[in-house]
Protein backbone atom coordinates (compact mmCIF):
# COMPACT_ATOMS: atom_id res chain seq x y z
CA GLY A 1 41.28 74.64 48.51
CA VAL A 2 44.91 75.65 48.21
CA ASP A 3 47.19 73.09 46.57
CA MET A 4 49.60 73.05 49.49
CA PRO A 5 52.34 70.77 48.05
CA GLY A 6 52.18 72.67 44.76
CA ALA A 7 52.41 76.03 46.53
CA LEU A 8 55.33 74.79 48.63
CA ASP A 9 57.05 73.46 45.54
CA SER A 10 56.86 76.76 43.71
CA LEU A 11 58.04 78.54 46.86
CA PHE A 12 60.99 76.14 47.28
CA LYS A 13 61.75 76.41 43.59
CA SER A 14 61.95 80.20 43.66
CA VAL A 15 63.86 80.21 46.96
CA ALA A 16 66.34 77.64 45.62
CA LYS A 17 66.75 79.69 42.45
CA SER A 18 67.43 82.94 44.29
CA VAL A 19 69.71 81.29 46.86
CA VAL A 20 71.71 79.61 44.10
CA ALA A 21 71.81 82.85 42.10
CA ASP A 22 73.03 84.84 45.14
CA LEU A 23 75.55 82.21 46.17
CA GLY A 24 76.69 81.94 42.56
CA LYS A 25 77.45 85.65 42.57
CA ALA A 26 79.25 85.40 45.90
CA PHE A 27 81.42 82.44 44.87
CA ASP A 28 81.48 83.68 41.30
CA HIS A 29 82.49 80.40 39.71
CA THR A 30 81.35 80.14 36.14
CA ILE A 31 81.05 76.51 35.17
CA THR A 32 80.16 74.74 31.97
CA TYR A 33 77.76 71.88 32.53
CA THR A 34 77.85 69.39 29.67
CA ARG A 35 74.81 67.21 29.34
CA LYS A 36 75.58 63.98 27.52
CA ALA A 37 72.32 62.66 26.13
CA SER A 38 71.21 59.68 24.03
CA PRO A 39 74.40 57.64 24.31
CA SER A 40 74.97 55.21 21.50
CA TYR A 41 77.64 52.59 21.28
CA ASN A 42 79.35 51.90 17.98
CA THR A 43 80.15 48.18 18.07
CA SER A 44 82.60 48.30 15.17
CA THR A 45 84.77 51.09 16.60
CA GLY A 46 84.00 50.55 20.29
CA ALA A 47 83.30 54.26 20.61
CA LEU A 48 80.55 55.73 22.73
CA THR A 49 78.97 58.82 21.24
CA THR A 50 76.61 61.22 22.97
CA THR A 51 74.63 64.28 21.99
CA ASP A 52 76.30 67.00 24.06
CA THR A 53 74.61 70.19 25.17
CA ALA A 54 76.68 72.73 27.10
CA PHE A 55 75.22 75.18 29.62
CA SER A 56 77.37 77.95 31.12
CA PHE A 57 76.36 79.72 34.32
CA ASP A 58 77.58 80.94 37.70
CA VAL A 59 77.26 78.43 40.45
CA PRO A 60 78.12 78.22 44.15
CA VAL A 61 81.14 75.94 44.49
CA GLU A 62 82.33 74.66 47.82
CA PHE A 63 85.78 73.04 47.70
CA VAL A 64 85.58 70.20 50.18
CA ASP A 65 88.68 68.10 49.94
CA ALA A 66 92.07 67.60 48.35
CA GLU A 67 94.03 64.40 48.64
CA GLU A 68 97.08 62.83 47.04
CA GLU A 69 96.21 59.84 44.95
CA GLU A 70 98.97 57.94 43.15
CA GLY A 71 101.15 61.00 43.02
CA ARG A 72 98.52 63.38 41.73
CA GLU A 73 96.29 65.67 43.71
CA GLU A 74 92.62 64.89 43.55
CA ARG A 75 90.12 67.56 44.55
CA LYS A 76 86.46 67.36 45.44
CA ALA A 77 83.94 70.16 45.24
CA ARG A 78 80.24 70.52 45.93
CA LEU A 79 78.06 72.44 43.49
CA TYR A 80 74.49 73.64 43.82
CA ILE A 81 72.42 73.96 40.66
CA THR A 82 68.74 74.34 39.80
CA PRO A 83 66.96 72.36 37.06
CA ASP A 84 66.34 75.39 34.83
CA GLN A 85 70.11 76.01 34.61
CA ILE A 86 70.57 72.71 32.79
CA GLY A 87 67.52 72.83 30.53
CA ASP A 88 65.17 71.28 33.10
CA ASN A 89 67.09 68.03 32.94
CA GLN A 90 68.00 65.57 35.66
CA PRO A 91 71.79 65.42 36.19
CA THR A 92 73.39 62.07 35.34
CA PHE A 93 76.79 60.56 36.12
CA GLU A 94 77.66 60.73 32.40
CA ASP A 95 77.37 64.52 32.48
CA THR A 96 80.52 66.53 33.16
CA VAL A 97 81.27 69.88 34.76
CA THR A 98 84.13 72.08 33.60
CA LEU A 99 85.39 74.54 36.19
CA LYS A 100 88.33 76.86 36.53
CA TYR A 101 90.83 75.92 39.19
CA ALA A 102 94.17 77.62 39.75
CA GLY A 103 93.79 79.45 36.47
CA SER A 104 93.06 76.50 34.22
CA ASN A 105 89.95 74.65 33.09
CA ARG A 106 89.42 71.23 34.66
CA VAL A 107 86.84 68.71 33.58
CA ALA A 108 85.26 67.26 36.69
CA GLN A 109 83.47 63.96 37.04
CA ILE A 110 80.16 63.87 38.93
CA THR A 111 80.44 61.33 41.75
CA ASP A 112 77.29 62.02 43.76
CA ILE A 113 73.91 63.58 42.94
CA ARG A 114 71.45 64.68 45.61
CA THR A 115 68.01 65.82 44.57
CA PHE A 116 65.89 68.11 46.72
CA LYS A 117 62.24 68.02 45.79
CA GLY A 118 58.64 68.11 46.77
CA ASP A 119 56.26 67.27 43.93
CA GLN A 120 58.83 68.88 41.63
CA GLU A 121 62.59 68.87 41.75
CA TYR A 122 64.02 72.24 42.69
CA LEU A 123 67.68 71.80 43.61
CA TYR A 124 70.55 69.45 42.88
CA GLN A 125 73.68 69.14 44.94
CA LEU A 126 76.51 67.58 42.94
CA LEU A 127 79.75 66.23 44.29
CA VAL A 128 82.47 66.36 41.64
CA ARG A 129 86.02 65.08 41.44
CA PHE A 130 88.80 66.61 39.35
């Protein structure tokens, strides 16, 4: 018989990829996604070190909110990415996203991760703050 969940997964995966690719072109925001892996803590210096891998790609960005916080403006944006764009990794809160805003690069913190999946993960929606 047909492996229905598997077939659906590969369909969703390719749909998510093409939707994200098309939206990415439309919004045309090139971001750098920095994956911070294998964190290790140096007890003598108190420093946290990670193995960083940077991925650059176009991504649909939806600016959702801007609010004043202690005299500085804080912005929120929603990003849609697919696993293959970040080396088939699962996003983590340690990872960062660098995006261009008002002509300068801002490092954004990931505050929320939503995973869309069947048997396989095919789309992540990230909420970032910068």
